Amino acid sequence: MPHYEARMSSKGQITVPAPVRELLKLKDGDRVDFYLDPSGGPIRIIARNKKLRDLVGVLHRPGAEPLTPRAIDNAIGEYLSEKHERISRQWNEWQEFQAWKAARAAE
């Protein structure tokens, strides 16, 4: 994987290296989003320089059948159900930990 670096100026500005600009097709005035992982993981950088019509078909896989609205709704429902289950489990674990911690402090 290629590596490029840039140095920040005293004004907090960074010049995006030319190969990165070319890859992302960035031009003057384009917006760039930075997504930070609070745990210190990788930072995602996304160029917002595409119009919706430029993205038509970008997710198409040759030979794959298009998804129906029902299949999309089902996939979203499954994802939300799994997310709810995970959050509920984490909440219960946190509650149990708080109870254990309070019991330990009372000893």
N, C-alpha and C. Protein backbone atom coordinates (compact mmCIF):
# COMPACT_ATOMS: atom_id res chain seq x y z
N MET A 1 0.84 -1.17 0.00
CA MET A 1 0.00 0.00 0.00
C MET A 1 0.90 1.24 0.00
N PRO A 2 0.67 2.16 -0.93
CA PRO A 2 1.50 3.37 -0.99
C PRO A 2 1.32 4.22 0.27
N HIS A 3 2.35 4.96 0.61
CA HIS A 3 2.33 5.83 1.77
C HIS A 3 2.69 7.24 1.34
N TYR A 4 1.92 8.22 1.81
CA TYR A 4 2.20 9.62 1.52
C TYR A 4 2.09 10.38 2.83
N GLU A 5 2.86 11.43 2.97
CA GLU A 5 2.76 12.23 4.18
C GLU A 5 2.72 13.70 3.83
N ALA A 6 2.24 14.48 4.78
CA ALA A 6 2.16 15.93 4.61
C ALA A 6 2.49 16.57 5.95
N ARG A 7 2.93 17.79 5.92
CA ARG A 7 3.26 18.52 7.14
C ARG A 7 2.23 19.64 7.32
N MET A 8 1.77 19.82 8.57
CA MET A 8 0.79 20.86 8.86
C MET A 8 1.51 22.19 9.07
N SER A 9 0.93 23.24 8.51
CA SER A 9 1.49 24.59 8.67
C SER A 9 1.09 25.15 10.03
N SER A 10 1.64 26.28 10.39
CA SER A 10 1.31 26.92 11.66
C SER A 10 -0.15 27.35 11.70
N LYS A 11 -0.79 27.46 10.54
CA LYS A 11 -2.21 27.82 10.48
C LYS A 11 -3.11 26.59 10.47
N GLY A 12 -2.54 25.39 10.64
CA GLY A 12 -3.34 24.17 10.67
C GLY A 12 -3.70 23.66 9.30
N GLN A 13 -3.01 24.11 8.27
CA GLN A 13 -3.32 23.68 6.91
C GLN A 13 -2.37 22.57 6.48
N ILE A 14 -2.92 21.64 5.70
CA ILE A 14 -2.14 20.53 5.17
C ILE A 14 -2.33 20.50 3.66
N THR A 15 -1.25 20.35 2.92
CA THR A 15 -1.35 20.18 1.48
C THR A 15 -1.51 18.70 1.19
N VAL A 16 -2.57 18.35 0.52
CA VAL A 16 -2.82 16.95 0.17
C VAL A 16 -1.84 16.57 -0.93
N PRO A 17 -1.06 15.50 -0.73
CA PRO A 17 -0.10 15.09 -1.76
C PRO A 17 -0.77 14.85 -3.11
N ALA A 18 -0.07 15.19 -4.18
CA ALA A 18 -0.61 15.10 -5.54
C ALA A 18 -1.18 13.72 -5.87
N PRO A 19 -0.49 12.61 -5.53
CA PRO A 19 -1.07 11.30 -5.87
C PRO A 19 -2.42 11.05 -5.17
N VAL A 20 -2.57 11.58 -3.95
CA VAL A 20 -3.84 11.43 -3.23
C VAL A 20 -4.91 12.28 -3.90
N ARG A 21 -4.56 13.51 -4.27
CA ARG A 21 -5.52 14.37 -4.97
C ARG A 21 -5.98 13.72 -6.27
N GLU A 22 -5.04 13.11 -6.99
CA GLU A 22 -5.38 12.46 -8.25
C GLU A 22 -6.28 11.25 -8.02
N LEU A 23 -5.96 10.44 -7.02
CA LEU A 23 -6.75 9.25 -6.73
C LEU A 23 -8.18 9.62 -6.35
N LEU A 24 -8.33 10.65 -5.50
CA LEU A 24 -9.66 11.08 -5.06
C LEU A 24 -10.31 12.06 -6.02
N LYS A 25 -9.58 12.42 -7.08
CA LYS A 25 -10.08 13.38 -8.08
C LYS A 25 -10.50 14.68 -7.42
N LEU A 26 -9.68 15.15 -6.49
CA LEU A 26 -9.96 16.40 -5.78
C LEU A 26 -9.57 17.59 -6.63
N LYS A 27 -10.40 18.62 -6.54
CA LYS A 27 -10.06 19.86 -7.21
C LYS A 27 -10.39 21.01 -6.27
N ASP A 28 -9.97 22.19 -6.62
CA ASP A 28 -10.15 23.38 -5.80
C ASP A 28 -11.62 23.52 -5.36
N GLY A 29 -11.84 23.67 -4.07
CA GLY A 29 -13.18 23.88 -3.54
C GLY A 29 -13.90 22.62 -3.10
N ASP A 30 -13.36 21.43 -3.41
CA ASP A 30 -14.00 20.19 -2.97
C ASP A 30 -13.94 20.07 -1.45
N ARG A 31 -14.96 19.45 -0.89
CA ARG A 31 -15.00 19.21 0.55
C ARG A 31 -14.45 17.81 0.84
N VAL A 32 -13.79 17.70 1.99
CA VAL A 32 -13.23 16.43 2.42
C VAL A 32 -13.70 16.20 3.86
N ASP A 33 -14.25 15.01 4.13
CA ASP A 33 -14.70 14.65 5.48
C ASP A 33 -13.64 13.79 6.14
N PHE A 34 -13.43 14.02 7.44
CA PHE A 34 -12.52 13.22 8.25
C PHE A 34 -13.35 12.49 9.29
N TYR A 35 -13.27 11.17 9.31
CA TYR A 35 -13.98 10.37 10.29
C TYR A 35 -12.96 9.80 11.27
N LEU A 36 -13.09 10.18 12.55
CA LEU A 36 -12.13 9.79 13.57
C LEU A 36 -12.66 8.63 14.40
N ASP A 37 -11.79 7.69 14.71
CA ASP A 37 -12.11 6.59 15.60
C ASP A 37 -11.68 7.02 17.00
N PRO A 38 -12.62 7.19 17.95
CA PRO A 38 -12.27 7.67 19.28
C PRO A 38 -11.25 6.80 20.00
N SER A 39 -11.15 5.53 19.62
CA SER A 39 -10.20 4.64 20.28
C SER A 39 -8.79 4.80 19.73
N GLY A 40 -8.61 5.71 18.79
CA GLY A 40 -7.28 5.92 18.22
C GLY A 40 -7.01 5.07 17.00
N GLY A 41 -8.03 4.41 16.49
CA GLY A 41 -7.88 3.57 15.29
C GLY A 41 -7.68 4.43 14.06
N PRO A 42 -7.82 3.83 12.91
CA PRO A 42 -7.56 4.55 11.66
C PRO A 42 -8.56 5.68 11.43
N ILE A 43 -8.10 6.69 10.73
CA ILE A 43 -8.94 7.83 10.35
C ILE A 43 -9.35 7.62 8.91
N ARG A 44 -10.64 7.79 8.64
CA ARG A 44 -11.13 7.66 7.26
C ARG A 44 -11.28 9.06 6.67
N ILE A 45 -10.83 9.21 5.45
CA ILE A 45 -10.95 10.47 4.73
C ILE A 45 -11.79 10.20 3.49
N ILE A 46 -12.85 10.99 3.34
CA ILE A 46 -13.74 10.80 2.21
C ILE A 46 -13.91 12.12 1.48
N ALA A 47 -13.69 12.09 0.17
CA ALA A 47 -13.89 13.28 -0.65
C ALA A 47 -15.36 13.37 -1.02
N ARG A 48 -15.93 14.56 -0.82
CA ARG A 48 -17.33 14.77 -1.19
C ARG A 48 -17.38 15.57 -2.49
N ASN A 49 -16.86 14.99 -3.55
CA ASN A 49 -16.81 15.72 -4.82
C ASN A 49 -17.61 15.03 -5.92
N LYS A 50 -18.46 14.11 -5.54
CA LYS A 50 -19.25 13.39 -6.54
C LYS A 50 -20.70 13.83 -6.48
N LYS A 51 -21.30 13.94 -7.62
CA LYS A 51 -22.73 14.19 -7.70
C LYS A 51 -23.43 12.83 -7.66
N LEU A 52 -24.67 12.82 -7.21
CA LEU A 52 -25.41 11.57 -7.09
C LEU A 52 -25.45 10.82 -8.41
N ARG A 53 -25.64 11.54 -9.51
CA ARG A 53 -25.73 10.85 -10.81
C ARG A 53 -24.40 10.19 -11.19
N ASP A 54 -23.27 10.68 -10.64
CA ASP A 54 -21.97 10.06 -10.91
C ASP A 54 -21.84 8.72 -10.19
N LEU A 55 -22.65 8.51 -9.16
CA LEU A 55 -22.53 7.30 -8.34
C LEU A 55 -23.47 6.17 -8.79
N VAL A 56 -24.32 6.42 -9.76
CA VAL A 56 -25.26 5.41 -10.22
C VAL A 56 -24.48 4.17 -10.67
N GLY A 57 -24.85 3.02 -10.12
CA GLY A 57 -24.23 1.76 -10.50
C GLY A 57 -22.94 1.44 -9.79
N VAL A 58 -22.46 2.30 -8.91
CA VAL A 58 -21.18 2.07 -8.26
C VAL A 58 -21.21 0.82 -7.37
N LEU A 59 -22.37 0.46 -6.84
CA LEU A 59 -22.47 -0.71 -5.98
C LEU A 59 -22.87 -1.98 -6.72
N HIS A 60 -23.02 -1.89 -8.02
CA HIS A 60 -23.44 -3.05 -8.81
C HIS A 60 -22.30 -4.06 -8.92
N ARG A 61 -22.65 -5.32 -8.70
CA ARG A 61 -21.68 -6.41 -8.90
C ARG A 61 -22.14 -7.20 -10.11
N PRO A 62 -21.28 -7.35 -11.10
CA PRO A 62 -21.67 -8.11 -12.28
C PRO A 62 -22.18 -9.50 -11.90
N GLY A 63 -23.32 -9.88 -12.46
CA GLY A 63 -23.90 -11.20 -12.20
C GLY A 63 -24.81 -11.24 -10.99
N ALA A 64 -24.78 -10.21 -10.15
CA ALA A 64 -25.64 -10.20 -8.96
C ALA A 64 -27.00 -9.63 -9.33
N GLU A 65 -28.04 -10.24 -8.76
CA GLU A 65 -29.39 -9.73 -9.00
C GLU A 65 -29.62 -8.49 -8.15
N PRO A 66 -30.34 -7.51 -8.68
CA PRO A 66 -30.64 -6.32 -7.88
C PRO A 66 -31.49 -6.68 -6.68
N LEU A 67 -31.29 -5.99 -5.57
CA LEU A 67 -32.08 -6.24 -4.38
C LEU A 67 -33.46 -5.58 -4.52
N THR A 68 -34.44 -6.25 -3.99
CA THR A 68 -35.79 -5.67 -3.98
C THR A 68 -35.91 -4.77 -2.75
N PRO A 69 -36.86 -3.84 -2.78
CA PRO A 69 -37.08 -3.01 -1.59
C PRO A 69 -37.36 -3.85 -0.34
N ARG A 70 -38.08 -4.96 -0.49
CA ARG A 70 -38.36 -5.83 0.65
C ARG A 70 -37.07 -6.44 1.20
N ALA A 71 -36.17 -6.89 0.32
CA ALA A 71 -34.91 -7.47 0.77
C ALA A 71 -34.06 -6.41 1.49
N ILE A 72 -34.09 -5.19 0.99
CA ILE A 72 -33.34 -4.10 1.64
C ILE A 72 -33.94 -3.83 3.02
N ASP A 73 -35.27 -3.74 3.09
CA ASP A 73 -35.94 -3.51 4.38
C ASP A 73 -35.63 -4.64 5.37
N ASN A 74 -35.63 -5.89 4.89
CA ASN A 74 -35.31 -7.02 5.76
C ASN A 74 -33.88 -6.93 6.28
N ALA A 75 -32.96 -6.57 5.42
CA ALA A 75 -31.55 -6.45 5.83
C ALA A 75 -31.40 -5.35 6.88
N ILE A 76 -32.06 -4.22 6.67
CA ILE A 76 -32.01 -3.13 7.64
C ILE A 76 -32.62 -3.58 8.96
N GLY A 77 -33.76 -4.27 8.89
CA GLY A 77 -34.41 -4.77 10.09
C GLY A 77 -33.53 -5.73 10.88
N GLU A 78 -32.86 -6.64 10.17
CA GLU A 78 -31.95 -7.58 10.84
C GLU A 78 -30.80 -6.84 11.50
N TYR A 79 -30.24 -5.86 10.81
CA TYR A 79 -29.14 -5.08 11.36
C TYR A 79 -29.58 -4.36 12.64
N LEU A 80 -30.74 -3.70 12.58
CA LEU A 80 -31.22 -2.96 13.75
C LEU A 80 -31.54 -3.90 14.90
N SER A 81 -32.08 -5.08 14.59
CA SER A 81 -32.38 -6.05 15.63
C SER A 81 -31.09 -6.52 16.32
N GLU A 82 -30.07 -6.83 15.53
CA GLU A 82 -28.78 -7.25 16.09
C GLU A 82 -28.15 -6.13 16.91
N LYS A 83 -28.28 -4.90 16.41
CA LYS A 83 -27.71 -3.76 17.13
C LYS A 83 -28.42 -3.58 18.47
N HIS A 84 -29.76 -3.68 18.46
CA HIS A 84 -30.54 -3.55 19.69
C HIS A 84 -30.14 -4.63 20.69
N GLU A 85 -29.99 -5.86 20.20
CA GLU A 85 -29.61 -6.97 21.06
C GLU A 85 -28.23 -6.73 21.68
N ARG A 86 -27.29 -6.25 20.88
CA ARG A 86 -25.95 -5.98 21.37
C ARG A 86 -25.96 -4.87 22.42
N ILE A 87 -26.69 -3.80 22.15
CA ILE A 87 -26.74 -2.69 23.10
C ILE A 87 -27.41 -3.13 24.40
N SER A 88 -28.48 -3.92 24.30
CA SER A 88 -29.16 -4.43 25.50
C SER A 88 -28.22 -5.31 26.32
N ARG A 89 -27.47 -6.18 25.64
CA ARG A 89 -26.52 -7.06 26.33
C ARG A 89 -25.44 -6.24 27.04
N GLN A 90 -24.92 -5.22 26.36
CA GLN A 90 -23.89 -4.38 26.95
C GLN A 90 -24.43 -3.61 28.15
N TRP A 91 -25.67 -3.13 28.05
CA TRP A 91 -26.28 -2.41 29.15
C TRP A 91 -26.44 -3.32 30.36
N ASN A 92 -26.92 -4.55 30.13
CA ASN A 92 -27.09 -5.50 31.23
C ASN A 92 -25.75 -5.85 31.87
N GLU A 93 -24.71 -6.03 31.05
CA GLU A 93 -23.39 -6.31 31.59
C GLU A 93 -22.88 -5.13 32.42
N TRP A 94 -23.14 -3.92 31.97
CA TRP A 94 -22.71 -2.73 32.70
C TRP A 94 -23.44 -2.65 34.03
N GLN A 95 -24.77 -2.94 34.01
CA GLN A 95 -25.55 -2.91 35.25
C GLN A 95 -25.02 -3.96 36.24
N GLU A 96 -24.72 -5.16 35.75
CA GLU A 96 -24.17 -6.21 36.61
C GLU A 96 -22.83 -5.78 37.19
N PHE A 97 -22.00 -5.15 36.37
CA PHE A 97 -20.70 -4.68 36.84
C PHE A 97 -20.87 -3.62 37.92
N GLN A 98 -21.81 -2.68 37.72
CA GLN A 98 -22.04 -1.64 38.71
C GLN A 98 -22.51 -2.25 40.03
N ALA A 99 -23.38 -3.25 39.96
CA ALA A 99 -23.85 -3.93 41.17
C ALA A 99 -22.69 -4.64 41.86
N TRP A 100 -21.85 -5.32 41.08
CA TRP A 100 -20.68 -6.00 41.65
C TRP A 100 -19.74 -5.00 42.30
N LYS A 101 -19.51 -3.86 41.62
CA LYS A 101 -18.61 -2.83 42.15
C LYS A 101 -19.16 -2.24 43.44
N ALA A 102 -20.47 -2.01 43.51
CA ALA A 102 -21.08 -1.48 44.72
C ALA A 102 -20.96 -2.49 45.86
N ALA A 103 -21.14 -3.78 45.57
CA ALA A 103 -21.03 -4.81 46.59
C ALA A 103 -19.60 -4.89 47.12
N ARG A 104 -18.62 -4.75 46.21
CA ARG A 104 -17.20 -4.78 46.61
C ARG A 104 -16.87 -3.59 47.49
N ALA A 105 -17.43 -2.42 47.16
CA ALA A 105 -17.15 -1.22 47.94
C ALA A 105 -17.77 -1.31 49.33
N ALA A 106 -18.89 -2.03 49.44
CA ALA A 106 -19.59 -2.16 50.73
C ALA A 106 -18.87 -3.14 51.67
N GLU A 107 -17.99 -3.97 51.14
CA GLU A 107 -17.30 -4.98 51.96
C GLU A 107 -16.29 -4.35 52.87
